PDB file of N, CA and C in Angstrom:
ATOM      1  N   MET A   1     -21.984  19.040  -6.812  1.00  0.00           N
ATOM      2  CA  MET A   1     -22.017  19.232  -5.374  1.00  0.00           C
ATOM      3  C   MET A   1     -20.902  18.386  -4.744  1.00  0.00           C
ATOM      4  N   THR A   2     -20.119  18.987  -3.900  1.00  0.00           N
ATOM      5  CA  THR A   2     -19.016  18.284  -3.250  1.00  0.00           C
ATOM      6  C   THR A   2     -19.469  17.711  -1.911  1.00  0.00           C
ATOM      7  N   TYR A   3     -19.142  16.451  -1.710  1.00  0.00           N
ATOM      8  CA  TYR A   3     -19.475  15.765  -0.461  1.00  0.00           C
ATOM      9  C   TYR A   3     -18.371  16.005   0.559  1.00  0.00           C
ATOM     10  N   LYS A   4     -18.727  15.885   1.821  1.00  0.00           N
ATOM     11  CA  LYS A   4     -17.768  16.009   2.915  1.00  0.00           C
ATOM     12  C   LYS A   4     -17.182  14.621   3.184  1.00  0.00           C
ATOM     13  N   LEU A   5     -15.940  14.559   3.615  1.00  0.00           N
ATOM     14  CA  LEU A   5     -15.278  13.287   3.900  1.00  0.00           C
ATOM     15  C   LEU A   5     -15.237  13.036   5.396  1.00  0.00           C
ATOM     16  N   ASP A   6     -15.528  11.802   5.774  1.00  0.00           N
ATOM     17  CA  ASP A   6     -15.484  11.395   7.176  1.00  0.00           C
ATOM     18  C   ASP A   6     -14.857  10.007   7.245  1.00  0.00           C
ATOM     19  N   PHE A   7     -14.243   9.683   8.373  1.00  0.00           N
ATOM     20  CA  PHE A   7     -13.646   8.368   8.580  1.00  0.00           C
ATOM     21  C   PHE A   7     -14.255   7.721   9.813  1.00  0.00           C
ATOM     22  N   LYS A   8     -14.543   6.433   9.739  1.00  0.00           N
ATOM     23  CA  LYS A   8     -14.841   5.674  10.955  1.00  0.00           C
ATOM     24  C   LYS A   8     -13.531   5.650  11.734  1.00  0.00           C
ATOM     25  N   LYS A   9     -13.619   5.615  13.048  1.00  0.00           N
ATOM     26  CA  LYS A   9     -12.415   5.666  13.890  1.00  0.00           C
ATOM     27  C   LYS A   9     -11.414   4.561  13.519  1.00  0.00           C
ATOM     28  N   SER A  10     -11.915   3.352  13.348  1.00  0.00           N
ATOM     29  CA  SER A  10     -11.038   2.220  13.025  1.00  0.00           C
ATOM     30  C   SER A  10     -10.428   2.367  11.628  1.00  0.00           C
ATOM     31  N   ALA A  11     -11.175   2.940  10.696  1.00  0.00           N
ATOM     32  CA  ALA A  11     -10.649   3.156   9.346  1.00  0.00           C
ATOM     33  C   ALA A  11      -9.551   4.218   9.363  1.00  0.00           C
ATOM     34  N   LEU A  12      -9.699   5.212  10.226  1.00  0.00           N
ATOM     35  CA  LEU A  12      -8.675   6.249  10.343  1.00  0.00           C
ATOM     36  C   LEU A  12      -7.368   5.659  10.873  1.00  0.00           C
ATOM     37  N   LYS A  13      -7.464   4.728  11.807  1.00  0.00           N
ATOM     38  CA  LYS A  13      -6.262   4.051  12.320  1.00  0.00           C
ATOM     39  C   LYS A  13      -5.574   3.285  11.190  1.00  0.00           C
ATOM     40  N   GLU A  14      -6.363   2.600  10.365  1.00  0.00           N
ATOM     41  CA  GLU A  14      -5.797   1.863   9.230  1.00  0.00           C
ATOM     42  C   GLU A  14      -5.151   2.825   8.237  1.00  0.00           C
ATOM     43  N   TRP A  15      -5.794   3.964   8.025  1.00  0.00           N
ATOM     44  CA  TRP A  15      -5.276   4.984   7.111  1.00  0.00           C
ATOM     45  C   TRP A  15      -3.908   5.475   7.574  1.00  0.00           C
ATOM     46  N   LYS A  16      -3.788   5.742   8.871  1.00  0.00           N
ATOM     47  CA  LYS A  16      -2.531   6.272   9.413  1.00  0.00           C
ATOM     48  C   LYS A  16      -1.388   5.266   9.309  1.00  0.00           C
ATOM     49  N   LYS A  17      -1.707   3.978   9.246  1.00  0.00           N
ATOM     50  CA  LYS A  17      -0.679   2.942   9.128  1.00  0.00           C
ATOM     51  C   LYS A  17      -0.156   2.796   7.698  1.00  0.00           C
ATOM     52  N   LEU A  18      -0.879   3.351   6.738  1.00  0.00           N
ATOM     53  CA  LEU A  18      -0.452   3.262   5.338  1.00  0.00           C
ATOM     54  C   LEU A  18       0.786   4.115   5.109  1.00  0.00           C
ATOM     55  N   GLY A  19       1.581   3.729   4.149  1.00  0.00           N
ATOM     56  CA  GLY A  19       2.726   4.538   3.766  1.00  0.00           C
ATOM     57  C   GLY A  19       2.258   5.801   3.057  1.00  0.00           C
ATOM     58  N   SER A  20       3.115   6.799   2.993  1.00  0.00           N
ATOM     59  CA  SER A  20       2.707   8.079   2.402  1.00  0.00           C
ATOM     60  C   SER A  20       2.365   7.945   0.919  1.00  0.00           C
ATOM     61  N   THR A  21       3.032   7.042   0.210  1.00  0.00           N
ATOM     62  CA  THR A  21       2.735   6.850  -1.212  1.00  0.00           C
ATOM     63  C   THR A  21       1.317   6.344  -1.402  1.00  0.00           C
ATOM     64  N   LEU A  22       0.924   5.347  -0.607  1.00  0.00           N
ATOM     65  CA  LEU A  22      -0.438   4.813  -0.696  1.00  0.00           C
ATOM     66  C   LEU A  22      -1.460   5.873  -0.304  1.00  0.00           C
ATOM     67  N   GLN A  23      -1.158   6.628   0.740  1.00  0.00           N
ATOM     68  CA  GLN A  23      -2.074   7.692   1.161  1.00  0.00           C
ATOM     69  C   GLN A  23      -2.275   8.707   0.036  1.00  0.00           C
ATOM     70  N   GLN A  24      -1.194   9.084  -0.628  1.00  0.00           N
ATOM     71  CA  GLN A  24      -1.293  10.057  -1.721  1.00  0.00           C
ATOM     72  C   GLN A  24      -2.145   9.512  -2.868  1.00  0.00           C
ATOM     73  N   GLN A  25      -1.962   8.229  -3.184  1.00  0.00           N
ATOM     74  CA  GLN A  25      -2.748   7.624  -4.263  1.00  0.00           C
ATOM     75  C   GLN A  25      -4.232   7.600  -3.905  1.00  0.00           C
ATOM     76  N   PHE A  26      -4.534   7.221  -2.663  1.00  0.00           N
ATOM     77  CA  PHE A  26      -5.930   7.203  -2.223  1.00  0.00           C
ATOM     78  C   PHE A  26      -6.503   8.625  -2.168  1.00  0.00           C
ATOM     79  N   LYS A  27      -5.704   9.594  -1.706  1.00  0.00           N
ATOM     80  CA  LYS A  27      -6.169  10.986  -1.619  1.00  0.00           C
ATOM     81  C   LYS A  27      -6.611  11.498  -2.981  1.00  0.00           C
ATOM     82  N   LYS A  28      -5.797  11.204  -3.977  1.00  0.00           N
ATOM     83  CA  LYS A  28      -6.096  11.646  -5.336  1.00  0.00           C
ATOM     84  C   LYS A  28      -7.454  11.098  -5.785  1.00  0.00           C
ATOM     85  N   LYS A  29      -7.683   9.820  -5.530  1.00  0.00           N
ATOM     86  CA  LYS A  29      -8.954   9.183  -5.905  1.00  0.00           C
ATOM     87  C   LYS A  29     -10.110   9.725  -5.064  1.00  0.00           C
ATOM     88  N   LEU A  30      -9.865   9.925  -3.771  1.00  0.00           N
ATOM     89  CA  LEU A  30     -10.928  10.428  -2.891  1.00  0.00           C
ATOM     90  C   LEU A  30     -11.396  11.821  -3.307  1.00  0.00           C
ATOM     91  N   ILE A  31     -10.478  12.660  -3.722  1.00  0.00           N
ATOM     92  CA  ILE A  31     -10.843  14.006  -4.170  1.00  0.00           C
ATOM     93  C   ILE A  31     -11.806  13.919  -5.351  1.00  0.00           C
ATOM     94  N   GLU A  32     -11.516  13.003  -6.287  1.00  0.00           N
ATOM     95  CA  GLU A  32     -12.417  12.799  -7.427  1.00  0.00           C
ATOM     96  C   GLU A  32     -13.779  12.302  -6.948  1.00  0.00           C
ATOM     97  N   ARG A  33     -13.754  11.366  -6.007  1.00  0.00           N
ATOM     98  CA  ARG A  33     -14.996  10.743  -5.548  1.00  0.00           C
ATOM     99  C   ARG A  33     -15.863  11.688  -4.723  1.00  0.00           C
ATOM    100  N   LEU A  34     -15.276  12.695  -4.101  1.00  0.00           N
ATOM    101  CA  LEU A  34     -16.081  13.642  -3.331  1.00  0.00           C
ATOM    102  C   LEU A  34     -16.975  14.478  -4.249  1.00  0.00           C
ATOM    103  N   ASP A  35     -16.570  14.631  -5.494  1.00  0.00           N
ATOM    104  CA  ASP A  35     -17.409  15.331  -6.472  1.00  0.00           C
ATOM    105  C   ASP A  35     -18.457  14.402  -7.080  1.00  0.00           C
ATOM    106  N   ASN A  36     -18.094  13.138  -7.251  1.00  0.00           N
ATOM    107  CA  ASN A  36     -19.009  12.167  -7.845  1.00  0.00           C
ATOM    108  C   ASN A  36     -18.806  10.812  -7.161  1.00  0.00           C
ATOM    109  N   PRO A  37     -19.405  10.605  -5.988  1.00  0.00           N
ATOM    110  CA  PRO A  37     -19.148   9.376  -5.227  1.00  0.00           C
ATOM    111  C   PRO A  37     -19.844   8.126  -5.768  1.00  0.00           C
ATOM    112  N   HIS A  38     -20.899   8.310  -6.567  1.00  0.00           N
ATOM    113  CA  HIS A  38     -21.655   7.160  -7.081  1.00  0.00           C
ATOM    114  C   HIS A  38     -21.057   6.684  -8.405  1.00  0.00           C
ATOM    115  N   VAL A  39     -20.080   5.778  -8.321  1.00  0.00           N
ATOM    116  CA  VAL A  39     -19.438   5.226  -9.512  1.00  0.00           C
ATOM    117  C   VAL A  39     -19.950   3.795  -9.685  1.00  0.00           C
ATOM    118  N   PRO A  40     -20.809   3.565 -10.686  1.00  0.00           N
ATOM    119  CA  PRO A  40     -21.424   2.239 -10.845  1.00  0.00           C
ATOM    120  C   PRO A  40     -20.425   1.081 -10.907  1.00  0.00           C
ATOM    121  N   ALA A  41     -19.293   1.278 -11.557  1.00  0.00           N
ATOM    122  CA  ALA A  41     -18.303   0.205 -11.679  1.00  0.00           C
ATOM    123  C   ALA A  41     -17.661  -0.145 -10.338  1.00  0.00           C
ATOM    124  N   SER A  42     -17.711   0.761  -9.380  1.00  0.00           N
ATOM    125  CA  SER A  42     -17.076   0.539  -8.078  1.00  0.00           C
ATOM    126  C   SER A  42     -18.062   0.162  -6.980  1.00  0.00           C
ATOM    127  N   LYS A  43     -19.326   0.013  -7.337  1.00  0.00           N
ATOM    128  CA  LYS A  43     -20.350  -0.316  -6.339  1.00  0.00           C
ATOM    129  C   LYS A  43     -20.125  -1.728  -5.818  1.00  0.00           C
ATOM    130  N   LEU A  44     -20.285  -1.910  -4.510  1.00  0.00           N
ATOM    131  CA  LEU A  44     -20.165  -3.242  -3.919  1.00  0.00           C
ATOM    132  C   LEU A  44     -21.500  -3.961  -4.065  1.00  0.00           C
ATOM    133  N   SER A  45     -21.443  -5.179  -4.548  1.00  0.00           N
ATOM    134  CA  SER A  45     -22.690  -5.926  -4.723  1.00  0.00           C
ATOM    135  C   SER A  45     -23.235  -6.346  -3.366  1.00  0.00           C
ATOM    136  N   GLY A  46     -24.532  -6.283  -3.241  1.00  0.00           N
ATOM    137  CA  GLY A  46     -25.180  -6.687  -1.996  1.00  0.00           C
ATOM    138  C   GLY A  46     -25.142  -5.640  -0.901  1.00  0.00           C
ATOM    139  N   ALA A  47     -24.711  -4.437  -1.227  1.00  0.00           N
ATOM    140  CA  ALA A  47     -24.644  -3.375  -0.215  1.00  0.00           C
ATOM    141  C   ALA A  47     -25.141  -2.066  -0.823  1.00  0.00           C
ATOM    142  N   ASP A  48     -26.065  -1.431  -0.143  1.00  0.00           N
ATOM    143  CA  ASP A  48     -26.584  -0.156  -0.634  1.00  0.00           C
ATOM    144  C   ASP A  48     -25.609   0.981  -0.350  1.00  0.00           C
ATOM    145  N   ASN A  49     -25.370   1.791  -1.346  1.00  0.00           N
ATOM    146  CA  ASN A  49     -24.543   2.994  -1.212  1.00  0.00           C
ATOM    147  C   ASN A  49     -23.138   2.735  -0.693  1.00  0.00           C
ATOM    148  N   MET A  50     -22.582   1.554  -0.980  1.00  0.00           N
ATOM    149  CA  MET A  50     -21.197   1.261  -0.603  1.00  0.00           C
ATOM    150  C   MET A  50     -20.372   1.055  -1.869  1.00  0.00           C
ATOM    151  N   TYR A  51     -19.190   1.682  -1.860  1.00  0.00           N
ATOM    152  CA  TYR A  51     -18.328   1.648  -3.029  1.00  0.00           C
ATOM    153  C   TYR A  51     -16.892   1.390  -2.595  1.00  0.00           C
ATOM    154  N   LYS A  52     -16.035   1.070  -3.575  1.00  0.00           N
ATOM    155  CA  LYS A  52     -14.627   0.819  -3.272  1.00  0.00           C
ATOM    156  C   LYS A  52     -13.743   1.644  -4.186  1.00  0.00           C
ATOM    157  N   ILE A  53     -12.560   1.913  -3.679  1.00  0.00           N
ATOM    158  CA  ILE A  53     -11.489   2.475  -4.495  1.00  0.00           C
ATOM    159  C   ILE A  53     -10.397   1.430  -4.437  1.00  0.00           C
ATOM    160  N   LYS A  54      -9.924   1.009  -5.601  1.00  0.00           N
ATOM    161  CA  LYS A  54      -8.887  -0.014  -5.570  1.00  0.00           C
ATOM    162  C   LYS A  54      -7.603   0.486  -6.213  1.00  0.00           C
ATOM    163  N   LEU A  55      -6.520   0.162  -5.550  1.00  0.00           N
ATOM    164  CA  LEU A  55      -5.196   0.426  -6.094  1.00  0.00           C
ATOM    165  C   LEU A  55      -4.681  -0.930  -6.564  1.00  0.00           C
ATOM    166  N   ARG A  56      -4.816  -1.178  -7.849  1.00  0.00           N
ATOM    167  CA  ARG A  56      -4.534  -2.514  -8.379  1.00  0.00           C
ATOM    168  C   ARG A  56      -3.123  -2.994  -8.107  1.00  0.00           C
ATOM    169  N   GLN A  57      -2.147  -2.135  -8.346  1.00  0.00           N
ATOM    170  CA  GLN A  57      -0.763  -2.572  -8.225  1.00  0.00           C
ATOM    171  C   GLN A  57      -0.409  -3.002  -6.803  1.00  0.00           C
ATOM    172  N   SER A  58      -0.885  -2.273  -5.822  1.00  0.00           N
ATOM    173  CA  SER A  58      -0.533  -2.575  -4.432  1.00  0.00           C
ATOM    174  C   SER A  58      -1.491  -3.572  -3.799  1.00  0.00           C
ATOM    175  N   GLY A  59      -2.669  -3.756  -4.400  1.00  0.00           N
ATOM    176  CA  GLY A  59      -3.645  -4.691  -3.840  1.00  0.00           C
ATOM    177  C   GLY A  59      -4.464  -4.108  -2.697  1.00  0.00           C
ATOM    178  N   TYR A  60      -4.370  -2.806  -2.480  1.00  0.00           N
ATOM    179  CA  TYR A  60      -5.117  -2.169  -1.389  1.00  0.00           C
ATOM    180  C   TYR A  60      -6.487  -1.712  -1.864  1.00  0.00           C
ATOM    181  N   ARG A  61      -7.426  -1.701  -0.917  1.00  0.00           N
ATOM    182  CA  ARG A  61      -8.788  -1.255  -1.180  1.00  0.00           C
ATOM    183  C   ARG A  61      -9.208  -0.276  -0.096  1.00  0.00           C
ATOM    184  N   LEU A  62     -10.048   0.671  -0.482  1.00  0.00           N
ATOM    185  CA  LEU A  62     -10.669   1.589   0.462  1.00  0.00           C
ATOM    186  C   LEU A  62     -12.169   1.464   0.207  1.00  0.00           C
ATOM    187  N   VAL A  63     -12.921   1.163   1.247  1.00  0.00           N
ATOM    188  CA  VAL A  63     -14.367   0.994   1.116  1.00  0.00           C
ATOM    189  C   VAL A  63     -15.053   2.173   1.794  1.00  0.00           C
ATOM    190  N   TYR A  64     -16.004   2.776   1.077  1.00  0.00           N
ATOM    191  CA  TYR A  64     -16.710   3.925   1.640  1.00  0.00           C
ATOM    192  C   TYR A  64     -18.208   3.813   1.416  1.00  0.00           C
ATOM    193  N   LYS A  65     -18.930   4.558   2.247  1.00  0.00           N
ATOM    194  CA  LYS A  65     -20.391   4.597   2.201  1.00  0.00           C
ATOM    195  C   LYS A  65     -20.801   6.026   1.857  1.00  0.00           C
ATOM    196  N   VAL A  66     -21.808   6.163   1.004  1.00  0.00           N
ATOM    197  CA  VAL A  66     -22.300   7.484   0.603  1.00  0.00           C
ATOM    198  C   VAL A  66     -23.636   7.739   1.287  1.00  0.00           C
ATOM    199  N   GLU A  67     -23.728   8.881   1.943  1.00  0.00           N
ATOM    200  CA  GLU A  67     -24.980   9.285   2.583  1.00  0.00           C
ATOM    201  C   GLU A  67     -25.448  10.568   1.903  1.00  0.00           C
ATOM    202  N   ASP A  68     -26.384  10.409   0.966  1.00  0.00           N
ATOM    203  CA  ASP A  68     -26.848  11.551   0.172  1.00  0.00           C
ATOM    204  C   ASP A  68     -27.634  12.570   0.987  1.00  0.00           C
ATOM    205  N   ASP A  69     -28.377  12.098   1.978  1.00  0.00           N
ATOM    206  CA  ASP A  69     -29.214  13.019   2.752  1.00  0.00           C
ATOM    207  C   ASP A  69     -28.399  14.051   3.527  1.00  0.00           C
ATOM    208  N   ILE A  70     -27.196  13.671   3.971  1.00  0.00           N
ATOM    209  CA  ILE A  70     -26.359  14.632   4.703  1.00  0.00           C
ATOM    210  C   ILE A  70     -25.087  14.997   3.925  1.00  0.00           C
ATOM    211  N   ILE A  71     -25.028  14.568   2.662  1.00  0.00           N
ATOM    212  CA  ILE A  71     -23.925  14.888   1.751  1.00  0.00           C
ATOM    213  C   ILE A  71     -22.567  14.569   2.382  1.00  0.00           C
ATOM    214  N   ILE A  72     -22.376  13.297   2.699  1.00  0.00           N
ATOM    215  CA  ILE A  72     -21.128  12.865   3.327  1.00  0.00           C
ATOM    216  C   ILE A  72     -20.682  11.512   2.767  1.00  0.00           C
ATOM    217  N   VAL A  73     -19.375  11.356   2.644  1.00  0.00           N
ATOM    218  CA  VAL A  73     -18.762  10.092   2.251  1.00  0.00           C
ATOM    219  C   VAL A  73     -17.981   9.612   3.468  1.00  0.00           C
ATOM    220  N   THR A  74     -18.318   8.425   3.976  1.00  0.00           N
ATOM    221  CA  THR A  74     -17.657   7.888   5.164  1.00  0.00           C
ATOM    222  C   THR A  74     -16.781   6.704   4.782  1.00  0.00           C
ATOM    223  N   VAL A  75     -15.488   6.789   5.093  1.00  0.00           N
ATOM    224  CA  VAL A  75     -14.573   5.682   4.839  1.00  0.00           C
ATOM    225  C   VAL A  75     -14.781   4.647   5.938  1.00  0.00           C
ATOM    226  N   LEU A  76     -15.074   3.412   5.532  1.00  0.00           N
ATOM    227  CA  LEU A  76     -15.355   2.345   6.493  1.00  0.00           C
ATOM    228  C   LEU A  76     -14.143   1.467   6.765  1.00  0.00           C
ATOM    229  N   ALA A  77     -13.338   1.199   5.736  1.00  0.00           N
ATOM    230  CA  ALA A  77     -12.203   0.298   5.913  1.00  0.00           C
ATOM    231  C   ALA A  77     -11.143   0.567   4.850  1.00  0.00           C
ATOM    232  N   VAL A  78      -9.886   0.319   5.226  1.00  0.00           N
ATOM    233  CA  VAL A  78      -8.760   0.442   4.311  1.00  0.00           C
ATOM    234  C   VAL A  78      -7.879  -0.768   4.554  1.00  0.00           C
ATOM    235  N   GLY A  79      -7.498  -1.466   3.497  1.00  0.00           N
ATOM    236  CA  GLY A  79      -6.624  -2.617   3.695  1.00  0.00           C
ATOM    237  C   GLY A  79      -6.433  -3.426   2.436  1.00  0.00           C
ATOM    238  N   LYS A  80      -5.701  -4.522   2.581  1.00  0.00           N
ATOM    239  CA  LYS A  80      -5.444  -5.429   1.469  1.00  0.00           C
ATOM    240  C   LYS A  80      -6.713  -6.188   1.122  1.00  0.00           C
ATOM    241  N   ARG A  81      -6.817  -6.596  -0.112  1.00  0.00           N
ATOM    242  CA  ARG A  81      -7.991  -7.326  -0.575  1.00  0.00           C
ATOM    243  C   ARG A  81      -7.952  -8.790  -0.126  1.00  0.00           C
ATOM    244  N   GLU A  82      -6.804  -9.285   0.235  1.00  0.00           N
ATOM    245  CA  GLU A  82      -6.611 -10.702   0.567  1.00  0.00           C
ATOM    246  C   GLU A  82      -7.780 -11.297   1.345  1.00  0.00           C
ATOM    247  N   ARG A  83      -8.318 -12.384   0.819  1.00  0.00           N
ATOM    248  CA  ARG A  83      -9.433 -13.122   1.431  1.00  0.00           C
ATOM    249  C   ARG A  83     -10.627 -12.214   1.736  1.00  0.00           C
ATOM    250  N   SER A  84     -10.742 -11.132   1.021  1.00  0.00           N
ATOM    251  CA  SER A  84     -11.864 -10.190   1.172  1.00  0.00           C
ATOM    252  C   SER A  84     -11.991  -9.617   2.580  1.00  0.00           C
ATOM    253  N   ASP A  85     -10.910  -9.605   3.344  1.00  0.00           N
ATOM    254  CA  ASP A  85     -10.942  -9.090   4.723  1.00  0.00           C
ATOM    255  C   ASP A  85     -11.450  -7.655   4.794  1.00  0.00           C
ATOM    256  N   VAL A  86     -10.972  -6.814   3.892  1.00  0.00           N
ATOM    257  CA  VAL A  86     -11.347  -5.399   3.940  1.00  0.00           C
ATOM    258  C   VAL A  86     -12.854  -5.228   3.730  1.00  0.00           C
ATOM    259  N   TYR A  87     -13.441  -6.075   2.902  1.00  0.00           N
ATOM    260  CA  TYR A  87     -14.885  -5.979   2.657  1.00  0.00           C
ATOM    261  C   TYR A  87     -15.683  -6.471   3.865  1.00  0.00           C
ATOM    262  N   ARG A  88     -15.194  -7.527   4.498  1.00  0.00           N
ATOM    263  CA  ARG A  88     -15.859  -8.031   5.714  1.00  0.00           C
ATOM    264  C   ARG A  88     -15.817  -6.981   6.822  1.00  0.00           C
ATOM    265  N   LYS A  89     -14.659  -6.352   6.990  1.00  0.00           N
ATOM    266  CA  LYS A  89     -14.528  -5.300   8.010  1.00  0.00           C
ATOM    267  C   LYS A  89     -15.521  -4.173   7.740  1.00  0.00           C
ATOM    268  N   ALA A  90     -15.620  -3.770   6.485  1.00  0.00           N
ATOM    269  CA  ALA A  90     -16.513  -2.666   6.121  1.00  0.00           C
ATOM    270  C   ALA A  90     -17.961  -3.013   6.440  1.00  0.00           C
ATOM    271  N   MET A  91     -18.385  -4.231   6.120  1.00  0.00           N
ATOM    272  CA  MET A  91     -19.766  -4.636   6.391  1.00  0.00           C
ATOM    273  C   MET A  91     -20.036  -4.648   7.894  1.00  0.00           C
ATOM    274  N   LYS A  92     -19.054  -5.108   8.659  1.00  0.00           N
ATOM    275  CA  LYS A  92     -19.202  -5.158  10.115  1.00  0.00           C
ATOM    276  C   LYS A  92     -19.297  -3.737  10.694  1.00  0.00           C
ATOM    277  N   ARG A  93     -18.464  -2.841  10.186  1.00  0.00           N
ATOM    278  CA  ARG A  93     -18.432  -1.466  10.702  1.00  0.00           C
ATOM    279  C   ARG A  93     -19.652  -0.659  10.275  1.00  0.00           C
ATOM    280  N   LEU A  94     -20.324  -1.123   9.271  1.00  0.00           N
ATOM    281  CA  LEU A  94     -21.531  -0.445   8.811  1.00  0.00           C
ATOM    282  C   LEU A  94     -22.567  -0.403   9.924  1.00  0.00           C
ATOM    283  N   ASP A  95     -22.580  -1.435  10.747  1.00  0.00           N
ATOM    284  CA  ASP A  95     -23.543  -1.532  11.843  1.00  0.00           C
ATOM    285  C   ASP A  95     -23.101  -0.782  13.095  1.00  0.00           C
ATOM    286  N   ASP A  96     -21.800  -0.465  13.190  1.00  0.00           N
ATOM    287  CA  ASP A  96     -21.278   0.210  14.400  1.00  0.00           C
ATOM    288  C   ASP A  96     -21.778   1.627  14.512  1.00  0.00           C
TER     289      ASP A  96
END
């Protein structure tokens, strides 16, 4: 079953600021994740149904939430891993 993709408004702004190469790399991973969003190795600890996609070489992370009841994957934050900022943003936006 394929999930639908959605972006939080602030995450979409971050997405648009990325270079096209980074966007293409994330797109490729997102397409895979829409078919199977629950990847145990990518699950964020301490958060239900939240996962990450990491681009190791560039240091960028994309954090998303899976909502099985409405079959949707929502991107919460996109950014560098530095000082775990991207994860803090995602947790904060979870409540928005």
